[in-house]
C-alpha atoms as a PDB file:
ATOM      1  CA  UNK A   1      85.278 295.338 -35.041  1.00  0.00           C
ATOM      2  CA  UNK A   2      87.525 298.342 -34.509  1.00  0.00           C
ATOM      3  CA  UNK A   3      86.528 298.554 -30.862  1.00  0.00           C
ATOM      4  CA  UNK A   4      87.227 294.794 -30.426  1.00  0.00           C
ATOM      5  CA  UNK A   5      90.607 295.169 -32.087  1.00  0.00           C
ATOM      6  CA  UNK A   6      91.493 298.093 -29.802  1.00  0.00           C
ATOM      7  CA  UNK A   7      90.433 296.124 -26.702  1.00  0.00           C
ATOM      8  CA  UNK A   8      92.293 293.062 -27.831  1.00  0.00           C
ATOM      9  CA  UNK A   9      95.495 295.143 -28.465  1.00  0.00           C
ATOM     10  CA  UNK A  10      95.158 296.799 -25.114  1.00  0.00           C
ATOM     11  CA  UNK A  11      94.771 293.371 -23.365  1.00  0.00           C
ATOM     12  CA  UNK A  12      97.826 292.019 -25.206  1.00  0.00           C
ATOM     13  CA  UNK A  13      99.881 295.143 -24.209  1.00  0.00           C
ATOM     14  CA  UNK A  14      98.850 294.852 -20.605  1.00  0.00           C
ATOM     15  CA  UNK A  15      99.666 291.144 -20.596  1.00  0.00           C
ATOM     16  CA  UNK A  16     103.103 291.843 -22.086  1.00  0.00           C
ATOM     17  CA  UNK A  17     103.789 294.552 -19.475  1.00  0.00           C
ATOM     18  CA  UNK A  18     102.741 292.311 -16.643  1.00  0.00           C
ATOM     19  CA  UNK A  19     105.013 289.545 -17.992  1.00  0.00           C
ATOM     20  CA  UNK A  20     107.964 291.940 -18.165  1.00  0.00           C
ATOM     21  CA  UNK A  21     107.070 293.149 -14.659  1.00  0.00           C
ATOM     22  CA  UNK A  22     107.006 289.691 -13.188  1.00  0.00           C
ATOM     23  CA  UNK A  23     110.400 288.660 -14.619  1.00  0.00           C
ATOM     24  CA  UNK A  24     112.327 291.838 -13.785  1.00  0.00           C
ATOM     25  CA  UNK A  25     115.014 291.251 -11.138  1.00  0.00           C
ATOM     26  CA  UNK A  26     114.145 293.011  -7.857  1.00  0.00           C
ATOM     27  CA  UNK A  27     116.401 295.777  -6.621  1.00  0.00           C
ATOM     28  CA  UNK A  28     116.495 296.285  -2.852  1.00  0.00           C
ATOM     29  CA  UNK A  29     118.007 299.727  -2.031  1.00  0.00           C
ATOM     30  CA  UNK A  30     120.180 300.402   1.011  1.00  0.00           C
ATOM     31  CA  UNK A  31     118.443 302.031   3.962  1.00  0.00           C
ATOM     32  CA  UNK A  32     118.677 302.401   7.753  1.00  0.00           C
ATOM     33  CA  UNK A  33     116.721 299.847   9.959  1.00  0.00           C
ATOM     34  CA  UNK A  34     113.490 301.329  11.334  1.00  0.00           C
ATOM     35  CA  UNK A  35     114.632 300.465  14.849  1.00  0.00           C
ATOM     36  CA  UNK A  36     117.124 303.293  14.578  1.00  0.00           C
ATOM     37  CA  UNK A  37     114.429 305.957  14.301  1.00  0.00           C
ATOM     38  CA  UNK A  38     115.004 308.455  17.129  1.00  0.00           C
ATOM     39  CA  UNK A  39     113.050 307.995  20.402  1.00  0.00           C
ATOM     40  CA  UNK A  40     113.143 311.727  21.020  1.00  0.00           C
ATOM     41  CA  UNK A  41     112.487 314.503  18.555  1.00  0.00           C
ATOM     42  CA  UNK A  42     111.137 318.050  18.707  1.00  0.00           C
ATOM     43  CA  UNK A  43     109.545 317.521  22.088  1.00  0.00           C
ATOM     44  CA  UNK A  44     108.258 313.974  21.437  1.00  0.00           C
ATOM     45  CA  UNK A  45     109.562 311.046  23.486  1.00  0.00           C
ATOM     46  CA  UNK A  46     108.772 307.483  22.445  1.00  0.00           C
ATOM     47  CA  UNK A  47     108.685 303.961  23.667  1.00  0.00           C
ATOM     48  CA  UNK A  48     108.300 300.699  21.810  1.00  0.00           C
ATOM     49  CA  UNK A  49     104.930 299.000  21.602  1.00  0.00           C
ATOM     50  CA  UNK A  50     104.771 295.180  22.146  1.00  0.00           C
ATOM     51  CA  UNK A  51     106.327 293.152  19.323  1.00  0.00           C
ATOM     52  CA  UNK A  52     104.140 291.879  16.561  1.00  0.00           C
ATOM     53  CA  UNK A  53     103.765 288.107  16.453  1.00  0.00           C
ATOM     54  CA  UNK A  54     105.815 286.114  13.815  1.00  0.00           C
ATOM     55  CA  UNK A  55     102.484 284.948  12.287  1.00  0.00           C
ATOM     56  CA  UNK A  56     101.303 288.564  11.837  1.00  0.00           C
ATOM     57  CA  UNK A  57     104.663 289.606  10.315  1.00  0.00           C
ATOM     58  CA  UNK A  58     104.470 286.732   7.868  1.00  0.00           C
ATOM     59  CA  UNK A  59     100.843 287.489   6.975  1.00  0.00           C
ATOM     60  CA  UNK A  60     101.735 291.177   6.297  1.00  0.00           C
ATOM     61  CA  UNK A  61     104.836 290.239   4.301  1.00  0.00           C
ATOM     62  CA  UNK A  62     106.873 292.652   6.413  1.00  0.00           C
ATOM     63  CA  UNK A  63     110.580 293.190   5.886  1.00  0.00           C
ATOM     64  CA  UNK A  64     110.973 295.691   8.724  1.00  0.00           C
ATOM     65  CA  UNK A  65     108.686 297.693  10.968  1.00  0.00           C
ATOM     66  CA  UNK A  66     108.573 299.991  13.936  1.00  0.00           C
ATOM     67  CA  UNK A  67     105.579 300.592  16.284  1.00  0.00           C
ATOM     68  CA  UNK A  68     105.892 303.156  19.036  1.00  0.00           C
ATOM     69  CA  UNK A  69     103.883 305.451  21.265  1.00  0.00           C
ATOM     70  CA  UNK A  70     105.212 308.981  21.444  1.00  0.00           C
ATOM     71  CA  UNK A  71     104.238 311.481  24.213  1.00  0.00           C
ATOM     72  CA  UNK A  72     104.736 315.229  24.483  1.00  0.00           C
ATOM     73  CA  UNK A  73     105.114 317.310  27.606  1.00  0.00           C
ATOM     74  CA  UNK A  74     101.627 318.796  27.108  1.00  0.00           C
ATOM     75  CA  UNK A  75     100.186 315.242  27.392  1.00  0.00           C
ATOM     76  CA  UNK A  76      99.625 314.765  23.691  1.00  0.00           C
ATOM     77  CA  UNK A  77     100.081 311.156  22.447  1.00  0.00           C
ATOM     78  CA  UNK A  78     100.736 309.736  18.991  1.00  0.00           C
ATOM     79  CA  UNK A  79     100.958 306.103  17.900  1.00  0.00           C
ATOM     80  CA  UNK A  80     103.511 305.813  15.107  1.00  0.00           C
ATOM     81  CA  UNK A  81     103.808 302.776  12.800  1.00  0.00           C
ATOM     82  CA  UNK A  82     105.981 302.255   9.716  1.00  0.00           C
ATOM     83  CA  UNK A  83     105.802 298.922   7.924  1.00  0.00           C
ATOM     84  CA  UNK A  84     108.424 298.456   5.194  1.00  0.00           C
ATOM     85  CA  UNK A  85     107.807 295.821   2.472  1.00  0.00           C
ATOM     86  CA  UNK A  86     110.817 295.146   0.219  1.00  0.00           C
ATOM     87  CA  UNK A  87     108.598 293.128  -2.126  1.00  0.00           C
ATOM     88  CA  UNK A  88     105.425 295.146  -1.940  1.00  0.00           C
ATOM     89  CA  UNK A  89     102.153 293.779  -0.589  1.00  0.00           C
ATOM     90  CA  UNK A  90     101.346 296.412   1.996  1.00  0.00           C
ATOM     91  CA  UNK A  91      97.954 296.354   3.614  1.00  0.00           C
ATOM     92  CA  UNK A  92      95.311 299.028   4.319  1.00  0.00           C
ATOM     93  CA  UNK A  93      94.357 300.125   7.909  1.00  0.00           C
ATOM     94  CA  UNK A  94      90.734 300.021   6.697  1.00  0.00           C
ATOM     95  CA  UNK A  95      91.068 296.232   7.135  1.00  0.00           C
ATOM     96  CA  UNK A  96      93.143 295.932  10.299  1.00  0.00           C
ATOM     97  CA  UNK A  97      91.488 298.633  12.388  1.00  0.00           C
ATOM     98  CA  UNK A  98      87.997 297.069  12.314  1.00  0.00           C
ATOM     99  CA  UNK A  99      89.663 293.767  13.214  1.00  0.00           C
ATOM    100  CA  UNK A 100      90.845 295.509  16.444  1.00  0.00           C
ATOM    101  CA  UNK A 101      87.354 296.710  17.226  1.00  0.00           C
ATOM    102  CA  UNK A 102      87.713 300.229  15.795  1.00  0.00           C
ATOM    103  CA  UNK A 103      84.868 301.484  13.557  1.00  0.00           C
ATOM    104  CA  UNK A 104      85.750 303.994  10.845  1.00  0.00           C
ATOM    105  CA  UNK A 105      83.097 306.802  10.864  1.00  0.00           C
ATOM    106  CA  UNK A 106      84.667 309.279   8.470  1.00  0.00           C
ATOM    107  CA  UNK A 107      87.261 309.035   5.706  1.00  0.00           C
ATOM    108  CA  UNK A 108      88.736 312.044   4.006  1.00  0.00           C
ATOM    109  CA  UNK A 109      91.973 313.316   2.449  1.00  0.00           C
ATOM    110  CA  UNK A 110      94.228 315.945   3.921  1.00  0.00           C
ATOM    111  CA  UNK A 111      97.017 317.982   2.191  1.00  0.00           C
ATOM    112  CA  UNK A 112      99.876 318.595   4.540  1.00  0.00           C
ATOM    113  CA  UNK A 113     102.915 320.860   4.040  1.00  0.00           C
ATOM    114  CA  UNK A 114     106.008 318.982   5.078  1.00  0.00           C
ATOM    115  CA  UNK A 115     109.764 319.357   4.882  1.00  0.00           C
ATOM    116  CA  UNK A 116     111.831 316.704   3.174  1.00  0.00           C
ATOM    117  CA  UNK A 117     115.435 315.615   3.937  1.00  0.00           C
ATOM    118  CA  UNK A 118     116.836 318.261   1.530  1.00  0.00           C
ATOM    119  CA  UNK A 119     114.868 321.177   3.036  1.00  0.00           C
ATOM    120  CA  UNK A 120     112.238 321.301   0.278  1.00  0.00           C
ATOM    121  CA  UNK A 121     108.688 322.058   1.311  1.00  0.00           C
ATOM    122  CA  UNK A 122     106.339 319.690  -0.694  1.00  0.00           C
ATOM    123  CA  UNK A 123     102.682 319.208   0.002  1.00  0.00           C
ATOM    124  CA  UNK A 124     101.642 315.611   0.493  1.00  0.00           C
ATOM    125  CA  UNK A 125      98.089 314.082   0.385  1.00  0.00           C
ATOM    126  CA  UNK A 126      97.270 311.566   3.053  1.00  0.00           C
ATOM    127  CA  UNK A 127      94.199 309.606   4.220  1.00  0.00           C
ATOM    128  CA  UNK A 128      92.492 310.956   7.320  1.00  0.00           C
ATOM    129  CA  UNK A 129      90.206 308.617   9.352  1.00  0.00           C
ATOM    130  CA  UNK A 130      87.991 309.149  12.399  1.00  0.00           C
ATOM    131  CA  UNK A 131      87.589 305.835  14.258  1.00  0.00           C
ATOM    132  CA  UNK A 132      85.518 305.014  17.369  1.00  0.00           C
ATOM    133  CA  UNK A 133      85.393 302.188  19.866  1.00  0.00           C
ATOM    134  CA  UNK A 134      82.799 302.583  22.576  1.00  0.00           C
ATOM    135  CA  UNK A 135      83.428 305.937  24.223  1.00  0.00           C
ATOM    136  CA  UNK A 136      86.837 306.378  22.631  1.00  0.00           C
ATOM    137  CA  UNK A 137      87.645 308.231  19.418  1.00  0.00           C
ATOM    138  CA  UNK A 138      90.910 308.498  17.475  1.00  0.00           C
ATOM    139  CA  UNK A 139      92.151 310.332  14.412  1.00  0.00           C
ATOM    140  CA  UNK A 140      94.307 308.372  11.954  1.00  0.00           C
ATOM    141  CA  UNK A 141      96.573 309.696   9.220  1.00  0.00           C
ATOM    142  CA  UNK A 142      98.152 307.188   6.848  1.00  0.00           C
ATOM    143  CA  UNK A 143      99.795 306.984   3.475  1.00  0.00           C
ATOM    144  CA  UNK A 144     101.947 304.801   1.291  1.00  0.00           C
ATOM    145  CA  UNK A 145     105.535 305.919   0.615  1.00  0.00           C
ATOM    146  CA  UNK A 146     108.316 304.674  -1.630  1.00  0.00           C
ATOM    147  CA  UNK A 147     110.472 305.489  -4.695  1.00  0.00           C
ATOM    148  CA  UNK A 148     110.298 309.205  -3.973  1.00  0.00           C
ATOM    149  CA  UNK A 149     106.494 309.533  -3.757  1.00  0.00           C
ATOM    150  CA  UNK A 150     103.689 309.709  -1.176  1.00  0.00           C
ATOM    151  CA  UNK A 151     100.379 308.154  -2.219  1.00  0.00           C
ATOM    152  CA  UNK A 152      97.099 308.129  -0.378  1.00  0.00           C
ATOM    153  CA  UNK A 153      95.212 305.649  -2.595  1.00  0.00           C
ATOM    154  CA  UNK A 154      95.871 301.891  -2.128  1.00  0.00           C
ATOM    155  CA  UNK A 155      95.062 301.401  -5.811  1.00  0.00           C
ATOM    156  CA  UNK A 156      97.419 304.036  -7.076  1.00  0.00           C
ATOM    157  CA  UNK A 157     100.034 302.525  -4.731  1.00  0.00           C
ATOM    158  CA  UNK A 158      99.723 299.171  -6.425  1.00  0.00           C
ATOM    159  CA  UNK A 159      99.806 300.699  -9.887  1.00  0.00           C
ATOM    160  CA  UNK A 160     102.877 302.715  -9.071  1.00  0.00           C
ATOM    161  CA  UNK A 161     104.414 299.518  -7.693  1.00  0.00           C
ATOM    162  CA  UNK A 162     104.075 297.852 -11.057  1.00  0.00           C
ATOM    163  CA  UNK A 163     105.477 300.898 -12.828  1.00  0.00           C
ATOM    164  CA  UNK A 164     108.405 301.062 -10.493  1.00  0.00           C
ATOM    165  CA  UNK A 165     109.160 297.359 -11.016  1.00  0.00           C
ATOM    166  CA  UNK A 166     109.330 297.861 -14.820  1.00  0.00           C
ATOM    167  CA  UNK A 167     111.121 301.217 -14.637  1.00  0.00           C
ATOM    168  CA  UNK A 168     113.532 300.699 -11.679  1.00  0.00           C
ATOM    169  CA  UNK A 169     113.359 297.032 -10.843  1.00  0.00           C
ATOM    170  CA  UNK A 170     111.967 297.994  -7.427  1.00  0.00           C
ATOM    171  CA  UNK A 171     108.876 296.879  -5.529  1.00  0.00           C
ATOM    172  CA  UNK A 172     109.625 298.303  -2.067  1.00  0.00           C
ATOM    173  CA  UNK A 173     107.300 300.644  -0.278  1.00  0.00           C
ATOM    174  CA  UNK A 174     105.987 301.394   3.234  1.00  0.00           C
ATOM    175  CA  UNK A 175     102.799 302.080   5.000  1.00  0.00           C
ATOM    176  CA  UNK A 176     103.168 304.990   7.405  1.00  0.00           C
ATOM    177  CA  UNK A 177     100.430 305.502  10.029  1.00  0.00           C
ATOM    178  CA  UNK A 178      99.886 308.049  12.810  1.00  0.00           C
ATOM    179  CA  UNK A 179      97.147 307.614  15.360  1.00  0.00           C
ATOM    180  CA  UNK A 180      96.162 310.271  17.949  1.00  0.00           C
ATOM    181  CA  UNK A 181      93.443 309.794  20.611  1.00  0.00           C
ATOM    182  CA  UNK A 182      90.753 312.508  20.865  1.00  0.00           C
ATOM    183  CA  UNK A 183      90.197 313.883  24.384  1.00  0.00           C
ATOM    184  CA  UNK A 184      86.456 313.901  23.727  1.00  0.00           C
ATOM    185  CA  UNK A 185      83.918 312.573  21.305  1.00  0.00           C
ATOM    186  CA  UNK A 186      82.761 315.974  20.173  1.00  0.00           C
ATOM    187  CA  UNK A 187      83.967 317.901  17.090  1.00  0.00           C
ATOM    188  CA  UNK A 188      86.468 320.030  19.074  1.00  0.00           C
ATOM    189  CA  UNK A 189      88.222 316.909  20.417  1.00  0.00           C
ATOM    190  CA  UNK A 190      88.533 315.451  16.940  1.00  0.00           C
ATOM    191  CA  UNK A 191      89.910 318.728  15.525  1.00  0.00           C
ATOM    192  CA  UNK A 192      92.524 318.960  18.301  1.00  0.00           C
ATOM    193  CA  UNK A 193      93.569 315.350  17.670  1.00  0.00           C
ATOM    194  CA  UNK A 194      93.941 316.012  13.963  1.00  0.00           C
ATOM    195  CA  UNK A 195      96.166 319.055  14.604  1.00  0.00           C
ATOM    196  CA  UNK A 196      98.373 316.938  16.903  1.00  0.00           C
ATOM    197  CA  UNK A 197      98.607 314.234  14.209  1.00  0.00           C
ATOM    198  CA  UNK A 198      99.582 316.751  11.585  1.00  0.00           C
ATOM    199  CA  UNK A 199     102.241 318.284  13.905  1.00  0.00           C
ATOM    200  CA  UNK A 200     103.672 314.832  14.643  1.00  0.00           C
ATOM    201  CA  UNK A 201     103.771 314.025  10.878  1.00  0.00           C
ATOM    202  CA  UNK A 202     105.588 317.283  10.133  1.00  0.00           C
ATOM    203  CA  UNK A 203     108.139 316.514  12.832  1.00  0.00           C
ATOM    204  CA  UNK A 204     109.017 312.998  11.621  1.00  0.00           C
ATOM    205  CA  UNK A 205     108.572 313.261   7.837  1.00  0.00           C
ATOM    206  CA  UNK A 206     112.046 314.654   7.134  1.00  0.00           C
ATOM    207  CA  UNK A 207     113.596 311.505   8.600  1.00  0.00           C
ATOM    208  CA  UNK A 208     111.628 308.928   6.610  1.00  0.00           C
ATOM    209  CA  UNK A 209     113.804 308.980   3.473  1.00  0.00           C
ATOM    210  CA  UNK A 210     116.566 307.262   5.492  1.00  0.00           C
ATOM    211  CA  UNK A 211     114.302 304.278   6.164  1.00  0.00           C
ATOM    212  CA  UNK A 212     112.007 304.346   3.129  1.00  0.00           C
ATOM    213  CA  UNK A 213     114.487 305.264   0.395  1.00  0.00           C
ATOM    214  CA  UNK A 214     113.767 307.327  -2.728  1.00  0.00           C
END
């Protein structure tokens, strides 16, 4: 009986919290449009990728996004995508990449030392994927960012979204994704691609707070 009472109380509490969460007014913070991200930075030069269809934007519940290919003088390439969702609802690349024919063959976490807008040096944890399509291999880094935090887990991202709605009245967050092609299918090619993806992430991370506000 005691266990049942505890479970019932927990369910009632969760239901009450969800009710409060659903009826909180949504706060949309000021930020810069993602299109104003610099095309050149620390040796990287970018160009826009083809626009996403209106149907895809609607399906993803996107408020704003940027999708570019950046190239460095040494021939390194990095695909950069940031999708901002003012009302939450971001998706996982684990769903969209297979839809484009890419097969995930390894999923891990990576801790990366970055510099934020204020010059601090936090360590962030991101998802790290190896994906293949035929004779091509790519390394993907991605994470969820918003309200001053970086989260690798989709589930923790959703939980923090509910907490932020109750605490701050905010539901906004973004998916940030970096994709670097490997020059070969062997382990060395994959390691080199990962190093490039980390370097790109470290170059652009200090700017993200302007577009994905704390």
